[in-house]
N, C-alpha and C. Protein backbone atom coordinates (compact mmCIF):
# COMPACT_ATOMS: atom_id res chain seq x y z
N MET A 1 16.52 -9.31 42.64
CA MET A 1 17.09 -8.53 42.00
C MET A 1 16.41 -7.33 41.31
N ASP A 2 17.71 -6.50 41.12
CA ASP A 2 17.04 -4.84 40.98
C ASP A 2 16.90 -4.59 39.70
N PHE A 3 16.13 -4.27 38.79
CA PHE A 3 16.42 -4.07 37.38
C PHE A 3 16.67 -2.73 37.18
N SER A 4 15.96 -1.74 38.16
CA SER A 4 16.07 -0.45 37.80
C SER A 4 17.05 0.32 37.47
N LYS A 5 18.67 -0.24 37.26
CA LYS A 5 19.46 0.52 36.68
C LYS A 5 19.69 -0.30 35.50
N LEU A 6 19.23 -1.22 34.92
CA LEU A 6 19.70 -1.91 33.56
C LEU A 6 19.57 -1.04 32.53
N GLN A 7 20.15 -1.64 31.44
CA GLN A 7 19.67 -1.44 30.03
C GLN A 7 19.84 -2.44 29.58
N PHE A 8 18.60 -2.58 28.47
CA PHE A 8 18.68 -3.23 27.35
C PHE A 8 19.34 -2.89 25.72
N PHE A 9 20.11 -3.41 25.39
CA PHE A 9 20.54 -2.78 23.80
C PHE A 9 20.46 -3.96 23.14
N VAL A 10 19.66 -3.49 21.58
CA VAL A 10 19.87 -4.09 20.54
C VAL A 10 21.01 -4.08 19.99
N LEU A 11 22.22 -5.04 19.72
CA LEU A 11 23.28 -5.05 18.99
C LEU A 11 23.27 -5.56 17.35
N LYS A 12 24.00 -5.32 16.66
CA LYS A 12 23.81 -5.44 15.54
C LYS A 12 25.69 -5.78 14.92
N PRO A 13 26.04 -6.56 15.21
CA PRO A 13 27.59 -7.17 15.23
C PRO A 13 28.37 -6.42 13.96
N GLY A 14 27.68 -6.92 12.66
CA GLY A 14 28.06 -6.25 11.03
C GLY A 14 27.96 -5.06 11.04
N GLU A 15 27.14 -4.22 12.05
CA GLU A 15 26.73 -2.61 11.49
C GLU A 15 27.65 -2.22 12.37
N PHE A 16 28.89 -1.77 11.26
CA PHE A 16 30.25 -1.09 12.04
C PHE A 16 30.22 0.89 12.95
N LYS A 17 28.75 1.06 12.48
CA LYS A 17 28.74 2.37 12.69
C LYS A 17 28.31 2.84 14.03
N GLN A 18 27.98 1.38 15.22
CA GLN A 18 27.28 1.16 16.60
C GLN A 18 28.76 1.31 17.69
N ASN A 19 28.08 1.86 18.32
CA ASN A 19 29.14 2.12 19.47
C ASN A 19 30.40 1.27 19.77
N ALA A 20 31.40 1.44 19.48
CA ALA A 20 32.84 0.68 19.82
C ALA A 20 32.59 -0.05 21.42
N TRP A 21 32.21 0.73 22.19
CA TRP A 21 32.35 -0.18 23.45
C TRP A 21 31.10 -0.90 23.96
N LEU A 22 29.83 -0.84 23.44
CA LEU A 22 28.96 -1.62 23.78
C LEU A 22 29.66 -2.77 23.10
N ILE A 23 30.14 -3.21 21.50
CA ILE A 23 30.04 -4.52 20.60
C ILE A 23 31.24 -5.19 21.54
N ASN A 24 32.48 -4.32 21.92
CA ASN A 24 33.06 -4.69 22.75
C ASN A 24 32.96 -5.53 23.70
N SER A 25 32.08 -4.77 24.71
CA SER A 25 31.36 -5.17 25.84
C SER A 25 30.76 -6.55 25.69
N ALA A 26 30.19 -6.62 24.97
CA ALA A 26 29.08 -7.46 24.83
C ALA A 26 29.99 -9.09 24.21
N PHE A 27 31.30 -8.60 23.47
CA PHE A 27 31.76 -9.84 22.94
C PHE A 27 32.94 -10.48 24.39
N GLU A 28 33.06 -9.16 25.10
CA GLU A 28 33.92 -9.54 25.78
C GLU A 28 33.34 -10.60 27.37
N HIS A 29 32.08 -10.52 27.15
CA HIS A 29 30.82 -11.09 27.78
C HIS A 29 30.94 -12.62 27.24
N TRP A 30 30.69 -12.19 25.89
CA TRP A 30 30.15 -13.66 25.12
C TRP A 30 31.77 -14.72 25.18
N ASN A 31 32.88 -13.73 25.34
CA ASN A 31 34.44 -14.86 24.66
C ASN A 31 34.13 -15.31 26.43
N GLN A 32 34.16 -14.45 27.49
CA GLN A 32 34.57 -15.13 28.69
C GLN A 32 33.32 -16.85 28.86
N VAL A 33 32.20 -16.13 28.72
CA VAL A 33 31.12 -17.38 28.88
C VAL A 33 31.03 -18.45 28.23
N TRP A 34 31.41 -18.15 26.88
CA TRP A 34 31.22 -19.25 25.77
C TRP A 34 32.39 -20.17 25.82
N GLY A 35 34.11 -19.18 25.97
CA GLY A 35 35.24 -19.65 26.09
C GLY A 35 35.23 -20.93 27.33
N ASN A 36 34.76 -20.49 28.21
CA ASN A 36 34.73 -21.66 29.11
C ASN A 36 33.76 -22.95 29.33
N THR A 37 32.46 -22.34 28.96
CA THR A 37 31.45 -23.58 28.34
C THR A 37 31.99 -24.24 27.32
N LEU A 38 32.59 -23.91 25.97
CA LEU A 38 33.22 -24.62 24.91
C LEU A 38 34.01 -25.45 25.56
N LYS A 39 35.19 -24.82 26.65
CA LYS A 39 36.24 -25.45 26.75
C LYS A 39 36.07 -26.82 27.80
N GLU A 40 34.74 -26.50 28.12
CA GLU A 40 34.27 -27.85 29.28
C GLU A 40 33.96 -28.71 28.71
N LEU A 41 32.71 -28.43 27.37
CA LEU A 41 31.96 -29.45 26.71
C LEU A 41 32.88 -30.26 25.51
N ASP A 42 33.97 -29.45 25.01
CA ASP A 42 34.87 -29.77 23.53
C ASP A 42 35.76 -29.91 24.05
N GLY A 43 36.43 -29.44 25.16
CA GLY A 43 38.29 -29.35 25.16
C GLY A 43 38.69 -28.24 24.15
N LEU A 44 37.89 -27.19 23.89
CA LEU A 44 38.21 -26.14 22.94
C LEU A 44 39.89 -25.73 23.74
N SER A 45 40.84 -24.74 23.18
CA SER A 45 41.67 -24.05 24.23
C SER A 45 41.30 -22.49 23.16
N GLU A 46 40.75 -22.79 22.06
CA GLU A 46 40.67 -21.24 21.46
C GLU A 46 39.29 -21.19 20.96
N LEU A 47 38.62 -19.81 21.21
CA LEU A 47 37.02 -19.48 20.71
C LEU A 47 37.54 -18.58 19.29
N HIS A 48 37.12 -18.95 18.33
CA HIS A 48 36.92 -17.87 17.18
C HIS A 48 35.63 -17.43 17.41
N SER A 49 35.74 -16.00 17.21
CA SER A 49 34.83 -14.54 16.93
C SER A 49 33.25 -15.07 15.83
N ASP A 50 33.79 -16.07 15.47
CA ASP A 50 32.83 -16.02 14.42
C ASP A 50 31.38 -16.13 14.22
N ASP A 51 30.73 -17.11 15.53
CA ASP A 51 29.74 -17.21 16.17
C ASP A 51 29.06 -16.27 16.70
N PHE A 52 29.64 -14.91 16.92
CA PHE A 52 29.48 -13.36 18.02
C PHE A 52 29.18 -12.92 16.30
N THR A 53 29.87 -12.53 15.74
CA THR A 53 29.98 -11.80 14.78
C THR A 53 28.92 -12.00 13.56
N ARG A 54 28.80 -13.24 13.49
CA ARG A 54 27.79 -13.66 11.66
C ARG A 54 26.45 -13.41 12.70
N GLN A 55 25.89 -12.89 13.77
CA GLN A 55 24.95 -12.62 14.42
C GLN A 55 24.21 -11.33 13.65
N ASP A 56 22.68 -11.21 13.46
CA ASP A 56 21.62 -10.38 12.51
C ASP A 56 21.73 -9.46 13.62
N GLU A 57 21.40 -10.12 15.10
CA GLU A 57 20.70 -9.09 16.26
C GLU A 57 21.34 -10.03 17.42
N ILE A 58 21.80 -9.08 18.89
CA ILE A 58 22.29 -9.53 19.72
C ILE A 58 21.62 -9.19 20.93
N PHE A 59 20.65 -9.85 21.44
CA PHE A 59 19.80 -8.64 22.60
C PHE A 59 20.75 -9.19 24.19
N CYS A 60 21.17 -7.63 24.37
CA CYS A 60 22.33 -7.58 25.64
C CYS A 60 21.95 -7.04 26.96
N LEU A 61 21.55 -7.04 27.76
CA LEU A 61 21.46 -6.44 29.04
C LEU A 61 22.90 -6.09 29.66
N PHE A 62 23.01 -4.90 29.66
CA PHE A 62 23.99 -3.75 30.54
C PHE A 62 23.95 -3.82 32.10
N SER A 63 24.92 -3.61 33.04
CA SER A 63 24.89 -3.09 34.31
C SER A 63 25.62 -2.16 34.24
N GLU A 64 25.60 -0.88 34.16
CA GLU A 64 26.61 0.62 33.47
C GLU A 64 27.19 0.02 32.56
N GLU A 65 28.34 -0.07 32.50
CA GLU A 65 29.21 -0.33 30.98
C GLU A 65 29.61 -2.10 31.01
N LYS A 66 29.16 -2.43 32.04
CA LYS A 66 29.20 -4.22 31.56
C LYS A 66 27.85 -4.99 31.14
N CYS A 67 27.93 -5.74 30.09
CA CYS A 67 27.53 -6.51 29.68
C CYS A 67 27.42 -7.57 30.65
N ILE A 68 26.16 -7.89 31.09
CA ILE A 68 26.06 -8.94 31.96
C ILE A 68 25.03 -10.44 31.50
N GLY A 69 24.37 -10.15 30.39
CA GLY A 69 23.64 -11.51 29.47
C GLY A 69 23.46 -10.73 28.30
N MET A 70 23.32 -11.92 27.70
CA MET A 70 22.54 -12.02 26.09
C MET A 70 22.02 -13.50 25.63
N ILE A 71 21.54 -12.42 23.98
CA ILE A 71 20.78 -13.82 23.25
C ILE A 71 20.85 -13.26 21.79
N CYS A 72 21.42 -14.10 20.86
CA CYS A 72 21.89 -14.39 19.62
C CYS A 72 20.51 -14.44 19.08
N HIS A 73 20.18 -13.62 18.14
CA HIS A 73 19.46 -13.94 17.19
C HIS A 73 20.27 -13.55 15.44
N ARG A 74 19.95 -15.22 14.80
CA ARG A 74 20.24 -14.87 13.62
C ARG A 74 19.23 -15.59 12.57
N LEU A 75 18.71 -14.61 11.34
CA LEU A 75 17.60 -15.46 10.53
C LEU A 75 18.12 -16.02 9.37
N VAL A 76 17.60 -17.07 9.07
CA VAL A 76 18.08 -17.61 7.74
C VAL A 76 16.93 -18.66 6.71
N ASP A 77 17.28 -18.21 5.60
CA ASP A 77 15.99 -18.83 4.96
C ASP A 77 16.19 -19.89 4.50
N LEU A 78 15.81 -21.00 4.62
CA LEU A 78 16.05 -22.37 4.27
C LEU A 78 15.17 -22.78 2.38
N ARG A 79 15.40 -21.95 2.03
CA ARG A 79 15.02 -21.80 0.68
C ARG A 79 16.18 -21.82 -0.31
N TYR A 80 17.01 -21.36 0.51
CA TYR A 80 18.37 -21.44 0.12
C TYR A 80 18.94 -22.74 0.63
N THR A 81 19.91 -23.05 -0.28
CA THR A 81 20.31 -24.52 0.23
C THR A 81 21.26 -24.23 0.78
N CYS A 82 22.36 -23.07 0.34
CA CYS A 82 23.20 -23.42 1.54
C CYS A 82 23.63 -23.19 3.40
N HIS A 83 22.23 -22.75 3.43
CA HIS A 83 21.91 -22.51 4.88
C HIS A 83 21.83 -24.07 5.31
N HIS A 84 21.24 -24.72 4.61
CA HIS A 84 20.82 -26.73 4.94
C HIS A 84 22.14 -27.23 5.46
N THR A 85 23.48 -26.77 4.99
CA THR A 85 24.56 -27.44 5.61
C THR A 85 25.40 -26.53 6.51
N ASP A 86 24.95 -25.40 7.07
CA ASP A 86 25.22 -24.69 8.15
C ASP A 86 25.77 -25.33 9.16
N SER A 87 26.68 -24.92 10.05
CA SER A 87 27.19 -25.76 10.78
C SER A 87 26.36 -25.89 12.33
N TYR A 88 25.11 -25.07 12.36
CA TYR A 88 24.25 -25.08 12.82
C TYR A 88 23.19 -26.22 13.22
N PHE A 89 23.11 -26.89 12.10
CA PHE A 89 22.12 -27.76 11.58
C PHE A 89 22.71 -28.60 11.30
N LYS A 90 24.04 -29.64 11.84
CA LYS A 90 24.70 -30.35 11.27
C LYS A 90 24.15 -31.42 12.19
N SER A 91 23.38 -31.10 13.69
CA SER A 91 22.73 -32.56 13.98
C SER A 91 21.52 -32.90 14.14
N TRP A 92 20.92 -31.91 13.00
CA TRP A 92 19.52 -32.03 12.54
C TRP A 92 19.28 -33.21 11.52
N THR A 93 18.09 -34.64 12.33
CA THR A 93 17.78 -34.73 10.73
C THR A 93 17.01 -34.22 10.00
N PRO A 94 16.94 -34.86 8.92
CA PRO A 94 16.05 -34.45 7.80
C PRO A 94 14.39 -34.13 8.04
N GLU A 95 14.34 -35.25 8.67
CA GLU A 95 12.49 -34.72 9.26
C GLU A 95 12.57 -33.96 10.09
N ALA A 96 13.48 -33.48 10.86
CA ALA A 96 13.66 -32.02 12.15
C ALA A 96 13.62 -31.31 11.23
N MET A 97 14.11 -30.67 9.83
CA MET A 97 14.50 -29.74 9.02
C MET A 97 12.97 -29.79 8.51
N LYS A 98 12.42 -30.73 7.89
CA LYS A 98 11.06 -30.45 7.39
C LYS A 98 9.92 -30.22 7.85
N GLU A 99 10.16 -30.73 9.14
CA GLU A 99 9.11 -29.94 10.46
C GLU A 99 9.08 -28.75 10.53
N LEU A 100 10.69 -28.17 10.79
CA LEU A 100 11.20 -26.76 11.03
C LEU A 100 10.19 -25.90 9.91
N THR A 101 10.29 -26.33 8.89
CA THR A 101 10.23 -25.26 7.49
C THR A 101 8.27 -25.47 7.48
N ARG A 102 7.35 -26.42 7.84
CA ARG A 102 6.28 -26.95 7.78
C ARG A 102 5.43 -25.63 7.96
N TYR A 103 5.78 -24.42 7.93
CA TYR A 103 5.39 -23.16 7.70
C TYR A 103 5.57 -22.44 7.43
N GLY A 104 6.85 -22.26 6.18
CA GLY A 104 7.38 -21.54 6.18
C GLY A 104 9.31 -21.57 5.88
N THR A 105 9.69 -20.85 5.57
CA THR A 105 11.20 -20.79 5.04
C THR A 105 11.86 -20.12 5.91
N LYS A 106 11.29 -18.60 6.20
CA LYS A 106 12.17 -17.73 6.88
C LYS A 106 12.33 -18.54 8.95
N ILE A 107 13.50 -18.44 9.24
CA ILE A 107 13.87 -19.20 10.54
C ILE A 107 14.73 -18.35 11.10
N LEU A 108 14.13 -17.75 12.38
CA LEU A 108 14.97 -17.29 13.23
C LEU A 108 15.53 -18.25 14.53
N ILE A 109 17.20 -18.05 14.06
CA ILE A 109 18.08 -18.99 14.98
C ILE A 109 17.99 -18.28 16.39
N GLY A 110 17.50 -19.01 17.34
CA GLY A 110 18.10 -18.26 18.72
C GLY A 110 18.89 -19.23 19.83
N SER A 111 20.18 -18.71 20.08
CA SER A 111 21.06 -19.55 20.20
C SER A 111 21.96 -18.41 21.39
N GLN A 112 23.15 -19.23 22.18
CA GLN A 112 23.92 -18.82 22.98
C GLN A 112 23.57 -17.98 24.62
N ILE A 113 22.48 -17.97 24.52
CA ILE A 113 21.91 -17.75 25.89
C ILE A 113 23.06 -17.65 26.75
N SER A 114 23.26 -16.70 27.52
CA SER A 114 24.25 -16.53 28.57
C SER A 114 23.71 -15.47 29.63
N VAL A 115 24.65 -15.63 30.63
CA VAL A 115 24.13 -14.63 31.76
C VAL A 115 25.43 -14.53 32.65
N ASP A 116 26.27 -13.42 33.11
CA ASP A 116 27.16 -13.46 33.95
C ASP A 116 27.04 -14.20 35.26
N PRO A 117 28.45 -14.99 35.60
CA PRO A 117 28.37 -15.68 36.74
C PRO A 117 27.61 -14.93 37.84
N ASP A 118 28.19 -13.70 38.41
CA ASP A 118 27.50 -12.59 39.63
C ASP A 118 26.02 -12.44 39.35
N TRP A 119 25.60 -12.90 37.99
CA TRP A 119 24.40 -12.69 37.89
C TRP A 119 23.34 -13.69 37.60
N ARG A 120 23.48 -14.62 38.47
CA ARG A 120 22.53 -16.21 38.54
C ARG A 120 21.80 -16.18 39.19
N GLY A 121 21.66 -15.53 40.09
CA GLY A 121 20.42 -15.38 41.34
C GLY A 121 19.06 -15.30 40.60
N LYS A 122 18.10 -15.85 41.73
CA LYS A 122 16.71 -15.93 41.28
C LYS A 122 15.95 -14.76 41.73
N THR A 123 15.18 -14.48 40.70
CA THR A 123 14.24 -13.49 40.88
C THR A 123 12.97 -13.64 40.99
N GLY A 124 11.82 -14.02 41.73
CA GLY A 124 10.68 -13.69 41.56
C GLY A 124 10.48 -15.86 41.26
N GLY A 125 11.56 -16.27 41.21
CA GLY A 125 11.31 -17.85 41.45
C GLY A 125 11.94 -18.25 39.77
N TYR A 126 12.95 -17.05 38.81
CA TYR A 126 13.24 -17.13 37.72
C TYR A 126 14.75 -16.99 37.87
N GLY A 127 15.43 -17.72 37.13
CA GLY A 127 16.75 -17.17 36.88
C GLY A 127 17.02 -16.11 35.92
N LEU A 128 17.99 -15.25 35.71
CA LEU A 128 17.98 -14.61 34.86
C LEU A 128 18.14 -14.64 33.18
N LYS A 129 18.68 -15.99 32.99
CA LYS A 129 18.41 -17.03 31.74
C LYS A 129 16.78 -17.26 31.27
N GLU A 130 16.56 -17.17 32.19
CA GLU A 130 15.08 -17.43 32.00
C GLU A 130 13.81 -16.38 31.55
N VAL A 131 13.91 -15.16 32.69
CA VAL A 131 13.49 -14.20 31.99
C VAL A 131 13.59 -13.39 30.51
N LEU A 132 15.68 -13.84 30.51
CA LEU A 132 15.96 -13.39 29.03
C LEU A 132 15.16 -13.95 28.12
N SER A 133 14.96 -15.24 28.30
CA SER A 133 14.66 -15.75 26.98
C SER A 133 13.16 -15.45 26.90
N ALA A 134 12.57 -15.41 28.15
CA ALA A 134 10.77 -15.08 27.90
C ALA A 134 11.05 -13.44 26.81
N PHE A 135 11.76 -13.00 27.58
CA PHE A 135 11.67 -11.17 27.03
C PHE A 135 12.06 -11.31 25.20
N SER A 136 12.98 -12.18 25.21
CA SER A 136 13.20 -12.43 23.52
C SER A 136 11.93 -12.94 23.09
N LEU A 137 11.59 -14.12 23.32
CA LEU A 137 10.67 -14.99 22.43
C LEU A 137 9.10 -13.68 22.60
N ASP A 138 9.41 -12.78 23.37
CA ASP A 138 8.08 -11.86 23.63
C ASP A 138 7.96 -11.27 22.17
N SER A 139 9.43 -10.63 22.13
CA SER A 139 9.57 -9.38 21.35
C SER A 139 9.76 -10.11 19.52
N LEU A 140 10.22 -11.21 19.69
CA LEU A 140 9.90 -12.00 18.15
C LEU A 140 9.17 -12.46 17.67
N PHE A 141 7.65 -13.08 18.93
CA PHE A 141 6.34 -13.33 18.42
C PHE A 141 5.41 -11.55 18.00
N ALA A 142 6.33 -10.42 18.11
CA ALA A 142 5.62 -9.45 17.72
C ALA A 142 5.99 -8.85 16.17
N ARG A 143 6.94 -9.76 15.78
CA ARG A 143 7.53 -9.69 14.19
C ARG A 143 6.33 -9.78 13.22
N ASN A 144 6.41 -9.49 12.12
CA ASN A 144 5.88 -10.12 10.70
C ASN A 144 6.62 -11.08 9.80
N ASP A 145 8.33 -11.50 10.42
CA ASP A 145 8.91 -11.54 9.20
C ASP A 145 9.17 -13.06 9.25
N ILE A 146 9.06 -13.97 10.79
CA ILE A 146 9.27 -14.78 10.91
C ILE A 146 8.09 -16.33 10.61
N ASP A 147 8.82 -17.23 10.57
CA ASP A 147 7.89 -18.05 10.03
C ASP A 147 8.42 -19.33 11.20
N ALA A 148 9.10 -19.55 11.90
CA ALA A 148 9.43 -20.22 12.55
C ALA A 148 10.78 -20.06 13.68
N ILE A 149 10.73 -19.76 14.83
CA ILE A 149 11.80 -19.53 15.86
C ILE A 149 12.07 -21.07 16.33
N THR A 150 13.75 -20.95 16.37
CA THR A 150 14.28 -22.42 16.51
C THR A 150 15.47 -22.27 17.50
N GLY A 151 15.45 -23.60 18.13
CA GLY A 151 17.05 -23.17 19.19
C GLY A 151 17.24 -25.02 19.49
N THR A 152 17.87 -24.94 20.29
CA THR A 152 18.60 -26.29 20.71
C THR A 152 18.84 -26.07 22.12
N MET A 153 17.63 -26.91 23.05
CA MET A 153 17.63 -26.62 24.73
C MET A 153 18.20 -27.79 25.37
N ARG A 154 19.28 -27.40 26.08
CA ARG A 154 19.91 -28.47 27.26
C ARG A 154 19.00 -29.23 27.61
N ALA A 155 18.91 -30.40 27.50
CA ALA A 155 18.17 -31.59 28.85
C ALA A 155 18.62 -31.16 30.06
N ASP A 156 20.20 -31.56 30.17
CA ASP A 156 20.44 -31.22 31.38
C ASP A 156 20.56 -30.43 32.35
N ARG A 157 20.20 -28.56 31.57
CA ARG A 157 19.88 -27.95 32.37
C ARG A 157 18.60 -27.41 32.65
N GLY A 158 17.41 -28.26 32.05
CA GLY A 158 16.30 -28.07 32.14
C GLY A 158 15.39 -26.87 31.55
N MET A 159 16.31 -26.44 30.45
CA MET A 159 15.99 -25.70 29.44
C MET A 159 14.82 -25.81 28.71
N HIS A 160 15.32 -27.22 28.55
CA HIS A 160 13.90 -27.59 27.68
C HIS A 160 12.36 -27.79 27.70
N ASN A 161 12.43 -27.97 29.26
CA ASN A 161 11.13 -28.24 29.62
C ASN A 161 10.54 -26.31 29.76
N LEU A 162 11.62 -25.92 29.94
CA LEU A 162 11.00 -24.51 30.20
C LEU A 162 10.37 -24.00 29.09
N PHE A 163 10.86 -24.29 27.73
CA PHE A 163 10.84 -23.62 26.39
C PHE A 163 9.50 -24.68 26.45
N TYR A 164 8.99 -25.56 26.53
CA TYR A 164 8.13 -25.99 26.52
C TYR A 164 7.12 -26.51 27.00
N GLU A 165 6.98 -25.16 28.53
CA GLU A 165 6.06 -24.38 29.13
C GLU A 165 5.69 -23.22 28.54
N PHE A 166 6.43 -22.73 27.37
CA PHE A 166 6.67 -21.51 26.59
C PHE A 166 5.54 -21.85 25.52
N GLY A 167 5.16 -23.47 25.08
CA GLY A 167 4.34 -23.00 23.95
C GLY A 167 5.37 -23.96 22.82
N ALA A 168 6.97 -24.55 23.27
CA ALA A 168 7.71 -25.15 21.69
C ALA A 168 6.61 -26.27 21.86
N LYS A 169 7.45 -26.51 20.23
CA LYS A 169 6.80 -28.10 19.69
C LYS A 169 8.44 -28.82 19.79
N ALA A 170 8.43 -30.20 19.98
CA ALA A 170 9.67 -30.68 19.94
C ALA A 170 9.97 -31.06 18.61
N LEU A 171 11.09 -30.81 17.93
CA LEU A 171 11.38 -31.49 16.78
C LEU A 171 12.12 -32.89 16.61
N LYS A 172 12.84 -32.52 17.39
CA LYS A 172 13.81 -33.78 17.87
C LYS A 172 14.28 -33.65 19.27
N ARG A 173 13.91 -34.84 20.21
CA ARG A 173 14.64 -35.18 21.59
C ARG A 173 15.77 -35.65 21.68
N GLY A 174 16.73 -35.42 22.58
CA GLY A 174 17.73 -36.50 22.63
C GLY A 174 18.99 -36.47 21.89
N VAL A 175 19.25 -35.36 21.06
CA VAL A 175 20.12 -35.16 20.19
C VAL A 175 21.62 -34.57 20.67
N SER A 176 22.05 -35.25 20.60
CA SER A 176 23.65 -34.80 20.94
C SER A 176 24.17 -33.80 20.27
N PHE A 177 24.68 -32.86 21.33
CA PHE A 177 25.01 -31.47 21.10
C PHE A 177 25.90 -30.89 21.75
N HIS A 178 27.39 -30.71 21.35
CA HIS A 178 28.49 -30.56 22.10
C HIS A 178 29.01 -31.46 23.13
N GLY A 179 28.47 -32.69 22.66
CA GLY A 179 28.92 -33.66 23.67
C GLY A 179 27.64 -33.83 24.85
N VAL A 180 26.77 -33.09 24.58
CA VAL A 180 25.11 -33.03 25.50
C VAL A 180 24.06 -33.26 24.89
N MET A 181 22.73 -33.77 25.83
CA MET A 181 21.58 -33.92 24.75
C MET A 181 20.96 -32.78 25.18
N VAL A 182 20.47 -32.46 23.75
CA VAL A 182 19.40 -31.29 24.09
C VAL A 182 18.33 -32.07 22.99
N ASP A 183 17.26 -30.74 22.99
CA ASP A 183 16.25 -31.54 22.16
C ASP A 183 15.96 -29.71 21.04
N LEU A 184 15.71 -30.38 19.98
CA LEU A 184 15.39 -29.44 18.44
C LEU A 184 13.96 -29.41 18.95
N VAL A 185 14.03 -27.53 19.21
CA VAL A 185 12.29 -26.82 19.31
C VAL A 185 12.21 -25.51 17.94
N ALA A 186 10.87 -25.85 18.37
CA ALA A 186 10.83 -24.86 17.44
C ALA A 186 9.38 -24.13 18.23
N PHE A 187 8.88 -22.64 17.60
CA PHE A 187 8.08 -22.05 17.79
C PHE A 187 7.39 -21.62 16.51
N TYR A 188 5.97 -21.26 16.06
CA TYR A 188 5.35 -20.86 15.05
C TYR A 188 4.49 -19.98 15.81
N PRO A 189 5.19 -18.64 15.63
CA PRO A 189 4.52 -17.48 15.68
C PRO A 189 3.29 -16.97 15.51
N ARG A 190 3.03 -17.36 13.97
CA ARG A 190 1.75 -17.17 13.65
C ARG A 190 0.53 -18.17 13.56
N GLN A 191 1.00 -19.75 14.15
CA GLN A 191 0.33 -20.56 14.19
C GLN A 191 -0.23 -21.04 15.65
N ARG A 192 0.93 -20.79 16.62
CA ARG A 192 0.80 -21.29 18.14
C ARG A 192 1.31 -20.26 18.46
N ASP A 193 0.25 -19.57 19.63
CA ASP A 193 0.66 -18.64 21.06
C ASP A 193 1.68 -18.78 21.64
N LEU A 194 2.37 -18.01 22.25
CA LEU A 194 3.54 -17.41 23.31
C LEU A 194 2.87 -17.69 24.78
N LYS A 195 3.63 -18.63 25.27
CA LYS A 195 2.76 -19.09 27.16
C LYS A 195 3.60 -18.80 27.93
N ILE A 196 3.54 -17.71 28.80
CA ILE A 196 4.50 -16.96 29.46
C ILE A 196 3.43 -17.04 30.79
N PRO A 197 3.76 -17.87 31.97
CA PRO A 197 3.54 -17.71 33.26
C PRO A 197 3.61 -16.12 33.53
N ALA A 198 2.29 -16.30 34.01
CA ALA A 198 2.00 -14.88 35.10
C ALA A 198 2.89 -14.48 35.62
N ASP A 199 3.28 -15.70 36.65
CA ASP A 199 4.53 -15.10 37.92
C ASP A 199 5.87 -14.43 36.80
N LEU A 200 6.00 -15.31 35.60
CA LEU A 200 7.43 -14.80 34.97
C LEU A 200 6.76 -13.44 34.18
N ARG A 201 5.68 -13.13 33.52
CA ARG A 201 5.00 -12.14 33.19
C ARG A 201 5.50 -11.00 34.06
N ALA A 202 5.43 -11.47 35.36
CA ALA A 202 5.41 -10.00 36.16
C ALA A 202 7.38 -9.57 36.04
N VAL A 203 7.55 -10.76 36.43
CA VAL A 203 9.39 -10.06 36.59
C VAL A 203 9.62 -9.49 35.12
N MET A 204 9.61 -10.01 33.88
CA MET A 204 9.50 -9.36 32.69
C MET A 204 9.08 -8.21 33.01
N ASP A 205 7.65 -7.53 33.77
CA ASP A 205 7.57 -6.43 33.81
C ASP A 205 8.41 -5.23 34.02
N GLN A 206 9.09 -6.04 35.55
CA GLN A 206 10.65 -5.27 35.85
C GLN A 206 11.20 -4.94 34.77
N LEU A 207 11.76 -6.04 34.57
CA LEU A 207 12.64 -6.00 33.17
C LEU A 207 12.76 -4.68 32.26
N ALA A 208 10.96 -4.71 31.63
CA ALA A 208 11.02 -4.06 30.61
C ALA A 208 11.03 -2.36 31.15
N ALA A 209 11.17 -2.00 32.12
CA ALA A 209 11.45 -0.95 32.41
C ALA A 209 13.01 -0.61 32.31
N ALA A 210 13.83 -1.33 31.87
CA ALA A 210 15.47 -0.97 31.24
C ALA A 210 14.70 -1.39 29.90
N LYS A 211 14.61 0.36 29.32
CA LYS A 211 14.10 0.59 27.78
C LYS A 211 14.85 -0.13 27.47
N ILE A 212 14.76 -0.65 26.26
CA ILE A 212 15.40 -1.16 24.86
C ILE A 212 15.91 0.04 24.14
N LYS A 213 17.01 -0.44 23.69
CA LYS A 213 17.55 1.11 22.40
C LYS A 213 18.26 0.30 21.70
N LYS A 214 18.33 0.99 20.24
CA LYS A 214 19.49 0.32 19.53
C LYS A 214 20.37 1.10 19.95
N ALA A 215 21.74 0.32 19.64
CA ALA A 215 23.21 0.88 19.79
C ALA A 215 23.59 1.45 18.68
N ALA A 216 22.91 2.74 18.26
CA ALA A 216 23.40 3.97 17.47
C ALA A 216 24.64 4.22 17.68
């Protein structure tokens, strides 16, 4: 896979000063991929945009003017009880929530990892989804405003095992989410190191050539 002509953008859907074509291209990708996924899993015939627009930031990979992959990031502070009943946490047990906040209440939710079907090949033994996940985590571990990073990793697609390889802790295994089995996982950036295999790090270095840009 040739990364040399790709570009990485950090989009913030709530900031209307950003270039409309970037947001629109990212939304078109999100709508197509997740529309098909949730139709398959939940039988949804219509996908509302709320889960896109409420993200604090979206890491997006572009090939020319087409978004080909993304990961969504949303920061919540579980000091505020309103976040405890957020729909994202509907499948969480009290024990998992307690463990998630073991080292603090500022939680980064990583979600909706997606790759365009035409870009789902392997590079150096890894798919673009795995590379994007590692790239995202690497950037999040460099921040100092996050107590934990969490996600729901599909067990039927093997993503949970990849995240355990990265150093994630299992908070609850075998939870039903959108009709499939997922593991609730967490990283604690100030407590446990991120573990990225050397061969994956080499692929990430190729992706780093697609300089991250803010969508001004």
